[in-house]
Amino acid sequence: MKIGIDLGTANVIVYVKGKGIVITEPSVVAVSDDNRIVAVGEEAREMIGRTPANISAIRPMKDGVIADYVITEAMLRFFINKARKGSMGFSRPEVMISVPAGVTSVEKRAVRDAALKAGAKEAYLIEEPLAAAIGANVPISGPSGNMIIDIGGGTSEIAVISLGGIVVSKSLRVGGNRFDEAITSYIRRKYNLMVGERTSEEVKIQIGTALPLERELTMEVRGRDLIAGLPRTIQLSSSEVMEAIEVPLQQLVAAVRSVLEQTPPELSSDIIDKGMVMSGGGSLLRNVDKLLTQVTGVPCHVAENALNCVALGTGLALEHFDFFKKSLVSQI
């Protein structure tokens, strides 16, 4: 059995050969104070910010790498077992996991060991931009340049790929979570209102935008008044959200520009022809592709199944292992 896993900061997406995407769940684990796992995935996400004293909801992945090894291993075991349900036989699966392009060998080993301990027969690693490009149907093996921008929960990966390998890349610790934090602090600064991380994520999805919209969107936001200490509701508009996430967006734009500046001229001309491809949940933010087109002058479009690109790519790379073997992260 072959399983591809996009082990993300915000979500874990699992692809099984022959079945496609079988699991899309938040990478959150709820743990009791005697270290028992209470819930994993969606059930645990429901608990964020709502747990009693003896339970804590933890995100074991931070900035695309493992922050809590033991809990990540338990989470991987849960998802691997869930993906194996209904499959015949008890053989251990082969697993391919995506890692950010800039990770250290220690971080790679941690991911691989966690997968092996969680029940995988063999664990391979693939760099996220490569997996995203494969999943977005970008022809990476030819001698022409392709640029991929993968905006995840904890990291954004920007890479130029040619001949099945990464020519120039930049891994930025800015992603969807950084947008949420920016929205939280903006609401606290402007309205003296404290909101939880789930609320700020909801705001980003409902009314977030990178450029002004023709029709302004508004949304009711509820939280705790910092002065009176009582619950209060405010109206928030999309232009305010745009102002709130301006700094992380500027960091993303600067990283894209720096990758374009380092790209060899032959590949630059290919990228102008084909444009840049965006994937990951963060690329679903309204107008972020238009913003990048405006700033760089290079056409930019969002891949059709943006959220699942990396997971699809890990699965396809494992299915066609011999073909992609030279593109994979060297075994540690």
C-alpha atoms as a PDB file:
ATOM      1  CA  MET A   1       0.000   0.000   0.000  1.00  0.00           C
ATOM      2  CA  LYS A   2       1.314   3.431  -0.931  1.00  0.00           C
ATOM      3  CA  ILE A   3       0.388   6.563   1.017  1.00  0.00           C
ATOM      4  CA  GLY A   4       1.383  10.170   0.293  1.00  0.00           C
ATOM      5  CA  ILE A   5       1.138  12.608   3.204  1.00  0.00           C
ATOM      6  CA  ASP A   6       1.189  16.392   3.158  1.00  0.00           C
ATOM      7  CA  LEU A   7       2.222  16.915   6.778  1.00  0.00           C
ATOM      8  CA  GLY A   8       1.308  20.569   7.086  1.00  0.00           C
ATOM      9  CA  THR A   9       1.303  23.077   9.931  1.00  0.00           C
ATOM     10  CA  ALA A  10      -2.441  23.627   9.518  1.00  0.00           C
ATOM     11  CA  ASN A  11      -3.729  20.445   7.850  1.00  0.00           C
ATOM     12  CA  VAL A  12      -2.705  16.864   7.216  1.00  0.00           C
ATOM     13  CA  ILE A  13      -3.853  15.650   3.797  1.00  0.00           C
ATOM     14  CA  VAL A  14      -3.481  11.961   2.950  1.00  0.00           C
ATOM     15  CA  TYR A  15      -3.464  10.418  -0.522  1.00  0.00           C
ATOM     16  CA  VAL A  16      -3.799   6.672  -1.052  1.00  0.00           C
ATOM     17  CA  LYS A  17      -2.833   5.024  -4.339  1.00  0.00           C
ATOM     18  CA  GLY A  18      -5.950   4.074  -6.272  1.00  0.00           C
ATOM     19  CA  LYS A  19      -8.303   6.008  -3.977  1.00  0.00           C
ATOM     20  CA  GLY A  20      -7.093   9.605  -4.255  1.00  0.00           C
ATOM     21  CA  ILE A  21      -7.373  12.013  -1.304  1.00  0.00           C
ATOM     22  CA  VAL A  22      -8.893  10.091   1.611  1.00  0.00           C
ATOM     23  CA  ILE A  23      -8.235  12.359   4.609  1.00  0.00           C
ATOM     24  CA  THR A  24      -8.148  16.132   4.995  1.00  0.00           C
ATOM     25  CA  GLU A  25      -8.007  17.056   8.650  1.00  0.00           C
ATOM     26  CA  PRO A  26      -6.460  19.831  10.757  1.00  0.00           C
ATOM     27  CA  SER A  27      -3.098  18.937  12.288  1.00  0.00           C
ATOM     28  CA  VAL A  28      -4.301  19.398  15.850  1.00  0.00           C
ATOM     29  CA  VAL A  29      -4.111  16.897  18.720  1.00  0.00           C
ATOM     30  CA  ALA A  30      -5.953  17.221  22.036  1.00  0.00           C
ATOM     31  CA  VAL A  31      -3.950  15.798  24.940  1.00  0.00           C
ATOM     32  CA  SER A  32      -5.010  15.310  28.561  1.00  0.00           C
ATOM     33  CA  ASP A  33      -2.651  16.233  31.390  1.00  0.00           C
ATOM     34  CA  ASP A  34      -1.694  12.562  31.916  1.00  0.00           C
ATOM     35  CA  ASN A  35      -0.480  12.510  28.274  1.00  0.00           C
ATOM     36  CA  ARG A  36      -3.403  10.548  26.863  1.00  0.00           C
ATOM     37  CA  ILE A  37      -4.533  11.490  23.354  1.00  0.00           C
ATOM     38  CA  VAL A  38      -8.149  12.637  23.611  1.00  0.00           C
ATOM     39  CA  ALA A  39      -8.840  13.596  19.980  1.00  0.00           C
ATOM     40  CA  VAL A  40      -7.049  14.094  16.655  1.00  0.00           C
ATOM     41  CA  GLY A  41      -7.905  16.204  13.617  1.00  0.00           C
ATOM     42  CA  GLU A  42     -11.243  17.972  13.177  1.00  0.00           C
ATOM     43  CA  GLU A  43     -12.515  16.810  16.555  1.00  0.00           C
ATOM     44  CA  ALA A  44      -9.435  18.299  18.251  1.00  0.00           C
ATOM     45  CA  ARG A  45      -9.688  21.557  16.260  1.00  0.00           C
ATOM     46  CA  GLU A  46     -13.191  22.068  17.628  1.00  0.00           C
ATOM     47  CA  MET A  47     -11.557  22.171  21.067  1.00  0.00           C
ATOM     48  CA  ILE A  48      -9.022  24.953  20.360  1.00  0.00           C
ATOM     49  CA  GLY A  49      -9.576  27.764  22.849  1.00  0.00           C
ATOM     50  CA  ARG A  50     -12.411  25.835  24.539  1.00  0.00           C
ATOM     51  CA  THR A  51     -10.669  23.196  26.624  1.00  0.00           C
ATOM     52  CA  PRO A  52     -10.948  22.680  30.387  1.00  0.00           C
ATOM     53  CA  ALA A  53      -7.800  22.858  32.512  1.00  0.00           C
ATOM     54  CA  ASN A  54      -6.896  19.158  32.155  1.00  0.00           C
ATOM     55  CA  ILE A  55      -6.959  19.067  28.320  1.00  0.00           C
ATOM     56  CA  SER A  56      -4.845  21.080  25.880  1.00  0.00           C
ATOM     57  CA  ALA A  57      -5.273  21.272  22.106  1.00  0.00           C
ATOM     58  CA  ILE A  58      -1.816  21.303  20.510  1.00  0.00           C
ATOM     59  CA  ARG A  59      -0.542  21.898  16.991  1.00  0.00           C
ATOM     60  CA  PRO A  60       2.518  19.593  16.928  1.00  0.00           C
ATOM     61  CA  MET A  61       3.829  21.120  13.668  1.00  0.00           C
ATOM     62  CA  LYS A  62       5.219  24.635  13.712  1.00  0.00           C
ATOM     63  CA  ASP A  63       6.496  26.521  10.648  1.00  0.00           C
ATOM     64  CA  GLY A  64       6.367  23.332   8.588  1.00  0.00           C
ATOM     65  CA  VAL A  65       8.601  21.304  10.918  1.00  0.00           C
ATOM     66  CA  ILE A  66       8.008  19.059  13.925  1.00  0.00           C
ATOM     67  CA  ALA A  67       7.728  21.031  17.167  1.00  0.00           C
ATOM     68  CA  ASP A  68       6.503  18.147  19.337  1.00  0.00           C
ATOM     69  CA  TYR A  69       7.967  14.817  18.248  1.00  0.00           C
ATOM     70  CA  VAL A  70       5.914  12.432  20.426  1.00  0.00           C
ATOM     71  CA  ILE A  71       2.584  14.002  19.501  1.00  0.00           C
ATOM     72  CA  THR A  72       3.465  14.199  15.793  1.00  0.00           C
ATOM     73  CA  GLU A  73       4.237  10.488  15.847  1.00  0.00           C
ATOM     74  CA  ALA A  74       0.885   9.732  17.518  1.00  0.00           C
ATOM     75  CA  MET A  75      -0.900  11.937  14.978  1.00  0.00           C
ATOM     76  CA  LEU A  76       0.847  10.212  12.047  1.00  0.00           C
ATOM     77  CA  ARG A  77      -0.027   6.790  13.454  1.00  0.00           C
ATOM     78  CA  PHE A  78      -3.680   7.835  13.750  1.00  0.00           C
ATOM     79  CA  PHE A  79      -3.847   9.074  10.138  1.00  0.00           C
ATOM     80  CA  ILE A  80      -1.885   6.134   8.671  1.00  0.00           C
ATOM     81  CA  ASN A  81      -4.184   3.654  10.450  1.00  0.00           C
ATOM     82  CA  LYS A  82      -7.243   5.594   9.322  1.00  0.00           C
ATOM     83  CA  ALA A  83      -5.992   5.524   5.710  1.00  0.00           C
ATOM     84  CA  ARG A  84      -5.339   1.753   5.920  1.00  0.00           C
ATOM     85  CA  LYS A  85      -8.861   0.951   7.137  1.00  0.00           C
ATOM     86  CA  GLY A  86     -10.683  -1.172   4.625  1.00  0.00           C
ATOM     87  CA  SER A  87      -7.523  -2.265   2.811  1.00  0.00           C
ATOM     88  CA  MET A  88      -6.792  -5.958   2.694  1.00  0.00           C
ATOM     89  CA  GLY A  89      -3.827  -7.506   4.417  1.00  0.00           C
ATOM     90  CA  PHE A  90      -1.653  -6.289   7.248  1.00  0.00           C
ATOM     91  CA  SER A  91       1.425  -5.257   5.333  1.00  0.00           C
ATOM     92  CA  ARG A  92       2.919  -1.963   6.450  1.00  0.00           C
ATOM     93  CA  PRO A  93       2.511   0.863   3.941  1.00  0.00           C
ATOM     94  CA  GLU A  94       5.173   2.756   2.050  1.00  0.00           C
ATOM     95  CA  VAL A  95       4.878   6.446   2.869  1.00  0.00           C
ATOM     96  CA  MET A  96       6.037   9.601   1.092  1.00  0.00           C
ATOM     97  CA  ILE A  97       5.985  12.788   3.166  1.00  0.00           C
ATOM     98  CA  SER A  98       6.537  16.363   2.050  1.00  0.00           C
ATOM     99  CA  VAL A  99       9.000  18.634   3.888  1.00  0.00           C
ATOM    100  CA  PRO A 100       9.720  22.357   3.345  1.00  0.00           C
ATOM    101  CA  ALA A 101      12.623  23.058   0.976  1.00  0.00           C
ATOM    102  CA  GLY A 102      14.740  24.798   3.603  1.00  0.00           C
ATOM    103  CA  VAL A 103      14.713  22.187   6.379  1.00  0.00           C
ATOM    104  CA  THR A 104      17.847  20.879   8.066  1.00  0.00           C
ATOM    105  CA  SER A 105      18.925  17.241   8.001  1.00  0.00           C
ATOM    106  CA  VAL A 106      17.939  16.930  11.679  1.00  0.00           C
ATOM    107  CA  GLU A 107      14.402  18.066  10.872  1.00  0.00           C
ATOM    108  CA  LYS A 108      14.233  15.663   7.913  1.00  0.00           C
ATOM    109  CA  ARG A 109      15.356  12.782  10.084  1.00  0.00           C
ATOM    110  CA  ALA A 110      12.720  13.663  12.687  1.00  0.00           C
ATOM    111  CA  VAL A 111       9.959  13.447  10.069  1.00  0.00           C
ATOM    112  CA  ARG A 112      11.270  10.166   8.663  1.00  0.00           C
ATOM    113  CA  ASP A 113      11.711   8.567  12.087  1.00  0.00           C
ATOM    114  CA  ALA A 114       8.242   9.669  13.166  1.00  0.00           C
ATOM    115  CA  ALA A 115       6.724   8.019  10.075  1.00  0.00           C
ATOM    116  CA  LEU A 116       8.679   4.761  10.592  1.00  0.00           C
ATOM    117  CA  LYS A 117       7.700   4.615  14.280  1.00  0.00           C
ATOM    118  CA  ALA A 118       4.094   5.313  13.303  1.00  0.00           C
ATOM    119  CA  GLY A 119       3.995   2.081  11.313  1.00  0.00           C
ATOM    120  CA  ALA A 120       5.416   2.812   7.858  1.00  0.00           C
ATOM    121  CA  LYS A 121       7.543   0.103   6.201  1.00  0.00           C
ATOM    122  CA  GLU A 122       9.587   2.732   4.356  1.00  0.00           C
ATOM    123  CA  ALA A 123       9.414   6.528   4.481  1.00  0.00           C
ATOM    124  CA  TYR A 124      10.606   8.796   1.686  1.00  0.00           C
ATOM    125  CA  LEU A 125      10.760  12.576   1.748  1.00  0.00           C
ATOM    126  CA  ILE A 126      10.010  15.039  -1.045  1.00  0.00           C
ATOM    127  CA  GLU A 127      10.436  18.801  -0.977  1.00  0.00           C
ATOM    128  CA  GLU A 128       7.121  20.650  -0.852  1.00  0.00           C
ATOM    129  CA  PRO A 129       7.590  22.843  -3.954  1.00  0.00           C
ATOM    130  CA  LEU A 130       8.387  19.744  -6.037  1.00  0.00           C
ATOM    131  CA  ALA A 131       5.364  17.890  -4.659  1.00  0.00           C
ATOM    132  CA  ALA A 132       3.161  20.941  -5.292  1.00  0.00           C
ATOM    133  CA  ALA A 133       4.417  21.201  -8.886  1.00  0.00           C
ATOM    134  CA  ILE A 134       3.767  17.491  -9.539  1.00  0.00           C
ATOM    135  CA  GLY A 135       0.295  17.783  -7.995  1.00  0.00           C
ATOM    136  CA  ALA A 136      -0.492  20.888 -10.061  1.00  0.00           C
ATOM    137  CA  ASN A 137       0.375  18.991 -13.276  1.00  0.00           C
ATOM    138  CA  VAL A 138       3.397  21.177 -14.001  1.00  0.00           C
ATOM    139  CA  PRO A 139       5.784  19.322 -16.354  1.00  0.00           C
ATOM    140  CA  ILE A 140       8.844  19.456 -14.107  1.00  0.00           C
ATOM    141  CA  SER A 141      11.113  16.942 -15.838  1.00  0.00           C
ATOM    142  CA  GLY A 142      11.748  18.929 -19.032  1.00  0.00           C
ATOM    143  CA  PRO A 143      14.584  21.458 -19.472  1.00  0.00           C
ATOM    144  CA  SER A 144      12.289  24.455 -19.106  1.00  0.00           C
ATOM    145  CA  GLY A 145      11.703  26.637 -16.060  1.00  0.00           C
ATOM    146  CA  ASN A 146       8.562  26.508 -13.942  1.00  0.00           C
ATOM    147  CA  MET A 147       7.895  28.669 -10.917  1.00  0.00           C
ATOM    148  CA  ILE A 148       5.723  27.427  -8.089  1.00  0.00           C
ATOM    149  CA  ILE A 149       4.529  29.372  -5.042  1.00  0.00           C
ATOM    150  CA  ASP A 150       3.092  27.139  -2.337  1.00  0.00           C
ATOM    151  CA  ILE A 151       1.481  29.091   0.518  1.00  0.00           C
ATOM    152  CA  GLY A 152       0.752  26.729   3.394  1.00  0.00           C
ATOM    153  CA  GLY A 153      -0.267  27.272   6.998  1.00  0.00           C
ATOM    154  CA  GLY A 154       3.201  27.721   8.471  1.00  0.00           C
ATOM    155  CA  THR A 155       5.509  28.244   5.496  1.00  0.00           C
ATOM    156  CA  SER A 156       5.458  29.614   1.986  1.00  0.00           C
ATOM    157  CA  GLU A 157       7.684  27.806  -0.478  1.00  0.00           C
ATOM    158  CA  ILE A 158       8.787  29.627  -3.619  1.00  0.00           C
ATOM    159  CA  ALA A 159      10.843  27.669  -6.130  1.00  0.00           C
ATOM    160  CA  VAL A 160      11.980  27.585  -9.736  1.00  0.00           C
ATOM    161  CA  ILE A 161      12.066  24.002 -10.999  1.00  0.00           C
ATOM    162  CA  SER A 162      13.770  22.618 -14.094  1.00  0.00           C
ATOM    163  CA  LEU A 163      14.919  19.118 -15.101  1.00  0.00           C
ATOM    164  CA  GLY A 164      13.131  17.596 -12.118  1.00  0.00           C
ATOM    165  CA  GLY A 165      15.084  19.583  -9.543  1.00  0.00           C
ATOM    166  CA  ILE A 166      14.930  22.883  -7.679  1.00  0.00           C
ATOM    167  CA  VAL A 167      17.175  25.560  -9.231  1.00  0.00           C
ATOM    168  CA  VAL A 168      16.388  28.485  -6.901  1.00  0.00           C
ATOM    169  CA  SER A 169      14.167  28.332  -3.857  1.00  0.00           C
ATOM    170  CA  LYS A 170      13.194  30.287  -0.797  1.00  0.00           C
ATOM    171  CA  SER A 171      11.363  28.940   2.221  1.00  0.00           C
ATOM    172  CA  LEU A 172       9.569  31.658   4.125  1.00  0.00           C
ATOM    173  CA  ARG A 173       8.134  31.191   7.604  1.00  0.00           C
ATOM    174  CA  VAL A 174       5.047  33.160   6.588  1.00  0.00           C
ATOM    175  CA  GLY A 175       1.791  31.444   5.745  1.00  0.00           C
ATOM    176  CA  GLY A 176      -1.900  31.297   6.561  1.00  0.00           C
ATOM    177  CA  ASN A 177      -1.240  31.216  10.321  1.00  0.00           C
ATOM    178  CA  ARG A 178       0.738  34.463  10.108  1.00  0.00           C
ATOM    179  CA  PHE A 179      -2.248  36.085   8.350  1.00  0.00           C
ATOM    180  CA  ASP A 180      -4.512  34.912  11.202  1.00  0.00           C
ATOM    181  CA  GLU A 181      -2.155  36.341  13.827  1.00  0.00           C
ATOM    182  CA  ALA A 182      -2.017  39.668  11.962  1.00  0.00           C
ATOM    183  CA  ILE A 183      -5.843  39.838  11.922  1.00  0.00           C
ATOM    184  CA  THR A 184      -6.020  39.028  15.665  1.00  0.00           C
ATOM    185  CA  SER A 185      -3.552  41.766  16.613  1.00  0.00           C
ATOM    186  CA  TYR A 186      -5.209  44.305  14.272  1.00  0.00           C
ATOM    187  CA  ILE A 187      -8.631  43.758  15.896  1.00  0.00           C
ATOM    188  CA  ARG A 188      -7.036  44.004  19.341  1.00  0.00           C
ATOM    189  CA  ARG A 189      -5.223  47.232  18.426  1.00  0.00           C
ATOM    190  CA  LYS A 190      -8.103  48.964  16.669  1.00  0.00           C
ATOM    191  CA  TYR A 191     -11.151  47.793  18.603  1.00  0.00           C
ATOM    192  CA  ASN A 192      -9.715  46.636  21.963  1.00  0.00           C
ATOM    193  CA  LEU A 193     -11.330  43.299  21.241  1.00  0.00           C
ATOM    194  CA  MET A 194      -9.729  39.934  21.930  1.00  0.00           C
ATOM    195  CA  VAL A 195     -10.658  37.218  19.409  1.00  0.00           C
ATOM    196  CA  GLY A 196      -9.561  33.571  19.232  1.00  0.00           C
ATOM    197  CA  GLU A 197      -7.501  32.009  16.442  1.00  0.00           C
ATOM    198  CA  ARG A 198     -10.523  30.189  15.000  1.00  0.00           C
ATOM    199  CA  THR A 199     -12.404  33.489  14.692  1.00  0.00           C
ATOM    200  CA  SER A 200      -9.529  35.240  12.925  1.00  0.00           C
ATOM    201  CA  GLU A 201      -9.207  32.298  10.501  1.00  0.00           C
ATOM    202  CA  GLU A 202     -12.945  32.566   9.799  1.00  0.00           C
ATOM    203  CA  VAL A 203     -12.516  36.311   9.100  1.00  0.00           C
ATOM    204  CA  LYS A 204      -9.656  35.592   6.659  1.00  0.00           C
ATOM    205  CA  ILE A 205     -11.709  33.001   4.763  1.00  0.00           C
ATOM    206  CA  GLN A 206     -14.980  34.976   4.686  1.00  0.00           C
ATOM    207  CA  ILE A 207     -13.767  38.509   3.879  1.00  0.00           C
ATOM    208  CA  GLY A 208      -9.960  38.426   3.499  1.00  0.00           C
ATOM    209  CA  THR A 209      -8.444  39.983   0.378  1.00  0.00           C
ATOM    210  CA  ALA A 210      -5.023  41.091  -0.882  1.00  0.00           C
ATOM    211  CA  LEU A 211      -6.346  43.957  -3.073  1.00  0.00           C
ATOM    212  CA  PRO A 212      -9.394  46.257  -2.727  1.00  0.00           C
ATOM    213  CA  LEU A 213     -12.647  44.565  -3.794  1.00  0.00           C
ATOM    214  CA  GLU A 214     -15.273  46.158  -6.050  1.00  0.00           C
ATOM    215  CA  ARG A 215     -17.953  45.255  -3.537  1.00  0.00           C
ATOM    216  CA  GLU A 216     -16.874  45.658   0.078  1.00  0.00           C
ATOM    217  CA  LEU A 217     -17.581  42.572   2.220  1.00  0.00           C
ATOM    218  CA  THR A 218     -18.423  42.849   5.908  1.00  0.00           C
ATOM    219  CA  MET A 219     -18.740  40.367   8.725  1.00  0.00           C
ATOM    220  CA  GLU A 220     -19.791  40.365  12.372  1.00  0.00           C
ATOM    221  CA  VAL A 221     -16.932  39.461  14.694  1.00  0.00           C
ATOM    222  CA  ARG A 222     -17.472  38.490  18.322  1.00  0.00           C
ATOM    223  CA  GLY A 223     -14.895  38.543  21.068  1.00  0.00           C
ATOM    224  CA  ARG A 224     -14.057  39.796  24.543  1.00  0.00           C
ATOM    225  CA  ASP A 225     -13.778  43.524  25.169  1.00  0.00           C
ATOM    226  CA  LEU A 226     -10.364  44.154  26.725  1.00  0.00           C
ATOM    227  CA  ILE A 227     -11.519  47.179  28.715  1.00  0.00           C
ATOM    228  CA  ALA A 228     -14.910  46.097  30.040  1.00  0.00           C
ATOM    229  CA  GLY A 229     -14.039  42.389  30.006  1.00  0.00           C
ATOM    230  CA  LEU A 230     -17.456  41.561  28.520  1.00  0.00           C
ATOM    231  CA  PRO A 231     -18.425  39.920  25.207  1.00  0.00           C
ATOM    232  CA  ARG A 232     -18.897  42.383  22.338  1.00  0.00           C
ATOM    233  CA  THR A 233     -19.664  42.263  18.597  1.00  0.00           C
ATOM    234  CA  ILE A 234     -18.128  44.516  15.915  1.00  0.00           C
ATOM    235  CA  GLN A 235     -18.531  44.868  12.145  1.00  0.00           C
ATOM    236  CA  LEU A 236     -15.330  44.241  10.209  1.00  0.00           C
ATOM    237  CA  SER A 237     -14.879  45.096   6.527  1.00  0.00           C
ATOM    238  CA  SER A 238     -12.682  43.476   3.872  1.00  0.00           C
ATOM    239  CA  SER A 239     -10.591  46.658   3.478  1.00  0.00           C
ATOM    240  CA  GLU A 240      -9.707  46.488   7.180  1.00  0.00           C
ATOM    241  CA  VAL A 241      -8.624  42.850   6.789  1.00  0.00           C
ATOM    242  CA  MET A 242      -6.516  43.884   3.782  1.00  0.00           C
ATOM    243  CA  GLU A 243      -4.821  46.512   5.971  1.00  0.00           C
ATOM    244  CA  ALA A 244      -4.305  43.930   8.735  1.00  0.00           C
ATOM    245  CA  ILE A 245      -2.483  41.384   6.548  1.00  0.00           C
ATOM    246  CA  GLU A 246      -0.411  43.926   4.632  1.00  0.00           C
ATOM    247  CA  VAL A 247       2.885  43.122   6.415  1.00  0.00           C
ATOM    248  CA  PRO A 248       2.900  39.317   5.861  1.00  0.00           C
ATOM    249  CA  LEU A 249       1.785  39.896   2.251  1.00  0.00           C
ATOM    250  CA  GLN A 250       4.691  42.300   1.701  1.00  0.00           C
ATOM    251  CA  GLN A 251       7.097  39.660   3.067  1.00  0.00           C
ATOM    252  CA  LEU A 252       5.671  37.149   0.593  1.00  0.00           C
ATOM    253  CA  VAL A 253       6.003  39.608  -2.316  1.00  0.00           C
ATOM    254  CA  ALA A 254       9.618  40.386  -1.325  1.00  0.00           C
ATOM    255  CA  ALA A 255      10.465  36.658  -1.275  1.00  0.00           C
ATOM    256  CA  VAL A 256       8.921  36.114  -4.730  1.00  0.00           C
ATOM    257  CA  ARG A 257      10.931  39.043  -6.091  1.00  0.00           C
ATOM    258  CA  SER A 258      14.154  37.737  -4.558  1.00  0.00           C
ATOM    259  CA  VAL A 259      13.639  34.301  -6.175  1.00  0.00           C
ATOM    260  CA  LEU A 260      12.956  35.962  -9.546  1.00  0.00           C
ATOM    261  CA  GLU A 261      16.132  38.042  -9.159  1.00  0.00           C
ATOM    262  CA  GLN A 262      18.237  34.906  -8.585  1.00  0.00           C
ATOM    263  CA  THR A 263      16.725  32.940 -11.469  1.00  0.00           C
ATOM    264  CA  PRO A 264      19.056  32.295 -14.440  1.00  0.00           C
ATOM    265  CA  PRO A 265      17.995  34.363 -17.489  1.00  0.00           C
ATOM    266  CA  GLU A 266      17.088  31.356 -19.673  1.00  0.00           C
ATOM    267  CA  LEU A 267      14.652  30.152 -17.040  1.00  0.00           C
ATOM    268  CA  SER A 268      13.310  33.681 -16.499  1.00  0.00           C
ATOM    269  CA  SER A 269      12.146  33.816 -20.101  1.00  0.00           C
ATOM    270  CA  ASP A 270      10.338  30.461 -19.635  1.00  0.00           C
ATOM    271  CA  ILE A 271       8.602  31.782 -16.517  1.00  0.00           C
ATOM    272  CA  ILE A 272       7.392  34.918 -18.339  1.00  0.00           C
ATOM    273  CA  ASP A 273       5.882  32.640 -21.022  1.00  0.00           C
ATOM    274  CA  LYS A 274       4.174  30.238 -18.644  1.00  0.00           C
ATOM    275  CA  GLY A 275       3.552  32.409 -15.625  1.00  0.00           C
ATOM    276  CA  MET A 276       3.807  31.413 -11.961  1.00  0.00           C
ATOM    277  CA  VAL A 277       1.643  28.667 -10.465  1.00  0.00           C
ATOM    278  CA  MET A 278       0.238  29.077  -6.949  1.00  0.00           C
ATOM    279  CA  SER A 279      -0.861  26.261  -4.675  1.00  0.00           C
ATOM    280  CA  GLY A 280      -1.647  25.690  -1.007  1.00  0.00           C
ATOM    281  CA  GLY A 281      -4.533  26.965   1.095  1.00  0.00           C
ATOM    282  CA  GLY A 282      -3.024  30.462   1.363  1.00  0.00           C
ATOM    283  CA  SER A 283      -3.302  30.927  -2.416  1.00  0.00           C
ATOM    284  CA  LEU A 284      -7.107  30.846  -2.033  1.00  0.00           C
ATOM    285  CA  LEU A 285      -6.989  34.294  -0.394  1.00  0.00           C
ATOM    286  CA  ARG A 286      -8.876  36.640  -2.717  1.00  0.00           C
ATOM    287  CA  ASN A 287      -6.729  38.488  -5.269  1.00  0.00           C
ATOM    288  CA  VAL A 288      -3.359  37.283  -3.994  1.00  0.00           C
ATOM    289  CA  ASP A 289      -2.530  36.079  -7.531  1.00  0.00           C
ATOM    290  CA  LYS A 290      -3.465  39.515  -8.951  1.00  0.00           C
ATOM    291  CA  LEU A 291      -1.263  41.224  -6.355  1.00  0.00           C
ATOM    292  CA  LEU A 292       1.767  39.132  -7.404  1.00  0.00           C
ATOM    293  CA  THR A 293       1.045  39.770 -11.100  1.00  0.00           C
ATOM    294  CA  GLN A 294       0.884  43.534 -10.410  1.00  0.00           C
ATOM    295  CA  VAL A 295       4.141  43.602  -8.475  1.00  0.00           C
ATOM    296  CA  THR A 296       6.245  41.316 -10.679  1.00  0.00           C
ATOM    297  CA  GLY A 297       4.653  41.799 -14.099  1.00  0.00           C
ATOM    298  CA  VAL A 298       4.663  37.995 -14.500  1.00  0.00           C
ATOM    299  CA  PRO A 299       1.256  36.343 -14.982  1.00  0.00           C
ATOM    300  CA  CYS A 300       0.231  34.300 -11.969  1.00  0.00           C
ATOM    301  CA  HIS A 301      -2.553  31.753 -11.629  1.00  0.00           C
ATOM    302  CA  VAL A 302      -3.844  29.482  -8.894  1.00  0.00           C
ATOM    303  CA  ALA A 303      -3.680  25.717  -9.524  1.00  0.00           C
ATOM    304  CA  GLU A 304      -7.087  24.122  -9.862  1.00  0.00           C
ATOM    305  CA  ASN A 305      -6.945  21.901  -6.805  1.00  0.00           C
ATOM    306  CA  ALA A 306      -4.741  24.275  -4.818  1.00  0.00           C
ATOM    307  CA  LEU A 307      -5.349  22.900  -1.332  1.00  0.00           C
ATOM    308  CA  ASN A 308      -4.514  19.296  -2.276  1.00  0.00           C
ATOM    309  CA  CYS A 309      -1.611  19.875  -4.709  1.00  0.00           C
ATOM    310  CA  VAL A 310       1.150  18.845  -2.303  1.00  0.00           C
ATOM    311  CA  ALA A 311      -0.660  15.688  -1.145  1.00  0.00           C
ATOM    312  CA  LEU A 312      -1.444  14.678  -4.744  1.00  0.00           C
ATOM    313  CA  GLY A 313       2.190  15.316  -5.675  1.00  0.00           C
ATOM    314  CA  THR A 314       3.540  13.149  -2.830  1.00  0.00           C
ATOM    315  CA  GLY A 315       1.207  10.336  -3.853  1.00  0.00           C
ATOM    316  CA  LEU A 316       2.085  10.566  -7.548  1.00  0.00           C
ATOM    317  CA  ALA A 317       5.816  10.739  -6.788  1.00  0.00           C
ATOM    318  CA  LEU A 318       5.515   7.506  -4.792  1.00  0.00           C
ATOM    319  CA  GLU A 319       3.451   5.784  -7.510  1.00  0.00           C
ATOM    320  CA  HIS A 320       6.003   6.730 -10.187  1.00  0.00           C
ATOM    321  CA  PHE A 321       8.906   6.310  -7.824  1.00  0.00           C
ATOM    322  CA  ASP A 322      11.536   5.298 -10.409  1.00  0.00           C
ATOM    323  CA  PHE A 323      10.711   8.327 -12.534  1.00  0.00           C
ATOM    324  CA  PHE A 324      10.962  10.837  -9.685  1.00  0.00           C
ATOM    325  CA  LYS A 325      13.704   9.052  -7.712  1.00  0.00           C
ATOM    326  CA  LYS A 326      16.428  11.547  -8.594  1.00  0.00           C
ATOM    327  CA  SER A 327      14.225  14.481  -7.522  1.00  0.00           C
ATOM    328  CA  LEU A 328      13.669  13.194  -3.995  1.00  0.00           C
ATOM    329  CA  VAL A 329      15.416  14.349  -0.871  1.00  0.00           C
ATOM    330  CA  SER A 330      18.436  12.107  -0.390  1.00  0.00           C
ATOM    331  CA  GLN A 331      17.846   9.394   2.159  1.00  0.00           C
ATOM    332  CA  ILE A 332      19.387  10.164   5.506  1.00  0.00           C
END
